[in-house]
C-alpha atoms as a PDB file:
ATOM      1  CA  MET A   1    -109.719  -0.943-126.036  1.00  0.00           C
ATOM      2  CA  THR A   2    -107.291   2.089-126.024  1.00  0.00           C
ATOM      3  CA  THR A   3    -108.372   5.233-127.980  1.00  0.00           C
ATOM      4  CA  LEU A   4    -106.304   8.269-128.792  1.00  0.00           C
ATOM      5  CA  HIS A   5    -108.330  11.306-128.526  1.00  0.00           C
ATOM      6  CA  ILE A   6    -107.301  14.074-130.889  1.00  0.00           C
ATOM      7  CA  SER A   7    -108.571  17.634-130.606  1.00  0.00           C
ATOM      8  CA  VAL A   8    -108.041  21.266-131.605  1.00  0.00           C
ATOM      9  CA  THR A   9    -108.249  23.212-128.390  1.00  0.00           C
ATOM     10  CA  THR A  10    -106.887  25.983-126.322  1.00  0.00           C
ATOM     11  CA  ILE A  11    -104.153  26.078-123.675  1.00  0.00           C
ATOM     12  CA  ASP A  12    -107.037  26.748-121.133  1.00  0.00           C
ATOM     13  CA  GLU A  13    -109.039  23.702-122.145  1.00  0.00           C
ATOM     14  CA  ILE A  14    -105.780  21.561-121.929  1.00  0.00           C
ATOM     15  CA  SER A  15    -105.111  22.953-118.374  1.00  0.00           C
ATOM     16  CA  SER A  16    -108.730  22.433-117.315  1.00  0.00           C
ATOM     17  CA  ARG A  17    -108.756  18.781-118.593  1.00  0.00           C
ATOM     18  CA  TYR A  18    -105.314  18.133-116.717  1.00  0.00           C
ATOM     19  CA  ALA A  19    -106.574  19.597-113.473  1.00  0.00           C
ATOM     20  CA  ALA A  20    -109.888  17.676-113.698  1.00  0.00           C
ATOM     21  CA  ALA A  21    -107.833  14.454-114.255  1.00  0.00           C
ATOM     22  CA  TRP A  22    -105.531  15.370-111.372  1.00  0.00           C
ATOM     23  CA  ASP A  23    -108.632  15.841-109.048  1.00  0.00           C
ATOM     24  CA  GLY A  24    -109.837  12.495-109.974  1.00  0.00           C
ATOM     25  CA  ASP A  25    -112.419  13.074-112.689  1.00  0.00           C
ATOM     26  CA  LYS A  26    -112.246   9.818-114.676  1.00  0.00           C
ATOM     27  CA  SER A  27    -113.838  11.418-117.774  1.00  0.00           C
ATOM     28  CA  ALA A  28    -110.691  13.497-118.135  1.00  0.00           C
ATOM     29  CA  ARG A  29    -108.361  10.665-118.149  1.00  0.00           C
ATOM     30  CA  GLY A  30    -107.157   8.893-121.121  1.00  0.00           C
ATOM     31  CA  HIS A  31    -104.838   9.324-124.073  1.00  0.00           C
ATOM     32  CA  PHE A  32    -104.988  12.876-125.574  1.00  0.00           C
ATOM     33  CA  LEU A  33    -103.281  14.574-128.278  1.00  0.00           C
ATOM     34  CA  SER A  34    -104.185  18.383-128.476  1.00  0.00           C
ATOM     35  CA  PHE A  35    -103.350  20.967-131.045  1.00  0.00           C
ATOM     36  CA  LEU A  36    -103.636  24.713-130.758  1.00  0.00           C
ATOM     37  CA  SER A  37    -104.791  24.983-134.324  1.00  0.00           C
ATOM     38  CA  TRP A  38    -106.161  23.336-137.379  1.00  0.00           C
ATOM     39  CA  GLU A  39    -102.940  24.161-139.267  1.00  0.00           C
ATOM     40  CA  SER A  40    -100.631  22.353-136.708  1.00  0.00           C
ATOM     41  CA  LEU A  41    -102.995  19.280-136.694  1.00  0.00           C
ATOM     42  CA  HIS A  42    -102.856  19.062-140.423  1.00  0.00           C
ATOM     43  CA  ASP A  43     -99.133  19.611-140.423  1.00  0.00           C
ATOM     44  CA  THR A  44     -98.734  16.724-138.091  1.00  0.00           C
ATOM     45  CA  LEU A  45    -101.523  14.388-139.322  1.00  0.00           C
ATOM     46  CA  SER A  46    -101.065  14.948-143.050  1.00  0.00           C
ATOM     47  CA  PRO A  47    -102.875  12.387-145.298  1.00  0.00           C
ATOM     48  CA  ASN A  48     -99.658  10.394-145.874  1.00  0.00           C
ATOM     49  CA  ARG A  49     -99.159  10.190-142.092  1.00  0.00           C
ATOM     50  CA  MET A  50    -102.756   9.117-141.509  1.00  0.00           C
ATOM     51  CA  ASN A  51    -102.189   6.337-143.893  1.00  0.00           C
ATOM     52  CA  ILE A  52     -99.077   5.322-141.815  1.00  0.00           C
ATOM     53  CA  ILE A  53    -101.094   5.515-138.735  1.00  0.00           C
ATOM     54  CA  ASN A  54    -104.003   3.298-140.395  1.00  0.00           C
ATOM     55  CA  ALA A  55    -101.561   0.801-141.471  1.00  0.00           C
ATOM     56  CA  MET A  56    -100.027   0.433-137.958  1.00  0.00           C
ATOM     57  CA  THR A  57    -103.259   0.405-136.080  1.00  0.00           C
ATOM     58  CA  GLY A  58    -103.550  -2.949-134.465  1.00  0.00           C
ATOM     59  CA  ALA A  59    -100.463  -4.189-135.933  1.00  0.00           C
ATOM     60  CA  GLY A  60     -98.157  -4.286-132.948  1.00  0.00           C
ATOM     61  CA  GLU A  61     -94.526  -3.316-133.410  1.00  0.00           C
ATOM     62  CA  LEU A  62     -93.430  -2.767-137.056  1.00  0.00           C
ATOM     63  CA  SER A  63     -90.076  -1.988-138.750  1.00  0.00           C
ATOM     64  CA  ILE A  64     -89.950   1.301-140.839  1.00  0.00           C
ATOM     65  CA  ARG A  65     -89.542  -0.979-143.872  1.00  0.00           C
ATOM     66  CA  GLU A  66     -92.634  -2.989-143.157  1.00  0.00           C
ATOM     67  CA  VAL A  67     -94.579   0.159-142.679  1.00  0.00           C
ATOM     68  CA  ALA A  68     -93.294   1.376-146.109  1.00  0.00           C
ATOM     69  CA  ARG A  69     -94.314  -1.846-147.716  1.00  0.00           C
ATOM     70  CA  ARG A  70     -97.910  -1.599-146.163  1.00  0.00           C
ATOM     71  CA  VAL A  71     -98.417   1.989-147.384  1.00  0.00           C
ATOM     72  CA  ASN A  72     -96.572   1.474-150.813  1.00  0.00           C
ATOM     73  CA  ARG A  73     -94.139   4.328-150.334  1.00  0.00           C
ATOM     74  CA  ASP A  74     -90.378   4.862-150.430  1.00  0.00           C
ATOM     75  CA  VAL A  75     -88.715   3.974-147.196  1.00  0.00           C
ATOM     76  CA  ARG A  76     -86.929   7.430-146.882  1.00  0.00           C
ATOM     77  CA  ALA A  77     -90.085   9.237-147.151  1.00  0.00           C
ATOM     78  CA  VAL A  78     -91.853   7.138-144.553  1.00  0.00           C
ATOM     79  CA  HIS A  79     -88.856   7.409-142.311  1.00  0.00           C
ATOM     80  CA  SER A  80     -89.305  11.098-142.428  1.00  0.00           C
ATOM     81  CA  ASP A  81     -93.031  10.848-141.678  1.00  0.00           C
ATOM     82  CA  ILE A  82     -92.415   8.454-138.822  1.00  0.00           C
ATOM     83  CA  THR A  83     -89.691  10.814-137.231  1.00  0.00           C
ATOM     84  CA  LYS A  84     -92.342  13.639-137.191  1.00  0.00           C
ATOM     85  CA  LEU A  85     -95.078  11.385-135.680  1.00  0.00           C
ATOM     86  CA  ILE A  86     -92.604  10.265-133.043  1.00  0.00           C
ATOM     87  CA  THR A  87     -91.506  13.740-132.254  1.00  0.00           C
ATOM     88  CA  GLN A  88     -95.249  14.874-131.828  1.00  0.00           C
ATOM     89  CA  GLY A  89     -96.085  11.845-129.657  1.00  0.00           C
ATOM     90  CA  VAL A  90     -98.376  10.062-131.993  1.00  0.00           C
ATOM     91  CA  ILE A  91     -96.315   6.879-132.318  1.00  0.00           C
ATOM     92  CA  ASP A  92     -93.531   5.379-130.050  1.00  0.00           C
ATOM     93  CA  LYS A  93     -90.341   3.582-130.564  1.00  0.00           C
ATOM     94  CA  GLY A  94     -90.324   0.034-129.607  1.00  0.00           C
ATOM     95  CA  GLU A  95     -87.483  -2.513-128.762  1.00  0.00           C
ATOM     96  CA  SER A  96     -87.093  -3.286-132.422  1.00  0.00           C
ATOM     97  CA  GLY A  97     -89.366  -0.958-134.456  1.00  0.00           C
ATOM     98  CA  ILE A  98     -92.154   1.355-134.067  1.00  0.00           C
ATOM     99  CA  VAL A  99     -95.598   0.972-132.655  1.00  0.00           C
ATOM    100  CA  PHE A 100     -98.941   2.837-132.719  1.00  0.00           C
ATOM    101  CA  PRO A 101    -100.116   2.054-129.159  1.00  0.00           C
ATOM    102  CA  TYR A 102    -103.777   2.595-129.750  1.00  0.00           C
ATOM    103  CA  ASP A 103    -106.783   0.660-131.162  1.00  0.00           C
ATOM    104  CA  ASP A 104    -108.492   3.541-132.633  1.00  0.00           C
ATOM    105  CA  ILE A 105    -108.615   7.323-132.784  1.00  0.00           C
ATOM    106  CA  HIS A 106    -111.398   9.745-131.972  1.00  0.00           C
ATOM    107  CA  PHE A 107    -111.243  13.113-133.436  1.00  0.00           C
ATOM    108  CA  ASP A 108    -112.965  15.946-131.451  1.00  0.00           C
ATOM    109  CA  PHE A 109    -113.013  19.412-133.011  1.00  0.00           C
ATOM    110  CA  THR A 110    -115.337  21.870-134.564  1.00  0.00           C
ATOM    111  CA  LEU A 111    -114.715  23.940-137.773  1.00  0.00           C
ATOM    112  CA  GLY A 112    -116.478  27.108-138.047  1.00  0.00           C
ATOM    113  CA  LYS A 113    -116.472  30.387-140.045  1.00  0.00           C
ATOM    114  CA  ALA A 114    -113.257  32.474-139.595  1.00  0.00           C
ATOM    115  CA  ALA A 115    -113.504  35.568-137.763  1.00  0.00           C
END
């Protein structure tokens, strides 16, 4: 099972995880998508985009038209969202479509009182 770990973190924490993985720490290895703020996470993973990801999870390679059908949305709007998800590294282009190459997503962040 392949899990995408999504977090809101700092550049220092990202660098530390990278260094730990480089040094052989197996717990630091894996598939990570890190955001520097809650706002950037929400901008990338809006509710409509999360619906796309959910529809693609475990489905293999799909056409944009098929994804639009699965989420019951206009193809142009889905295309725009998919372009953003590809640009941010959330989904990949395949040979004849697009693919979300993970079995599940683990979110790891803490929300607290604003300073």
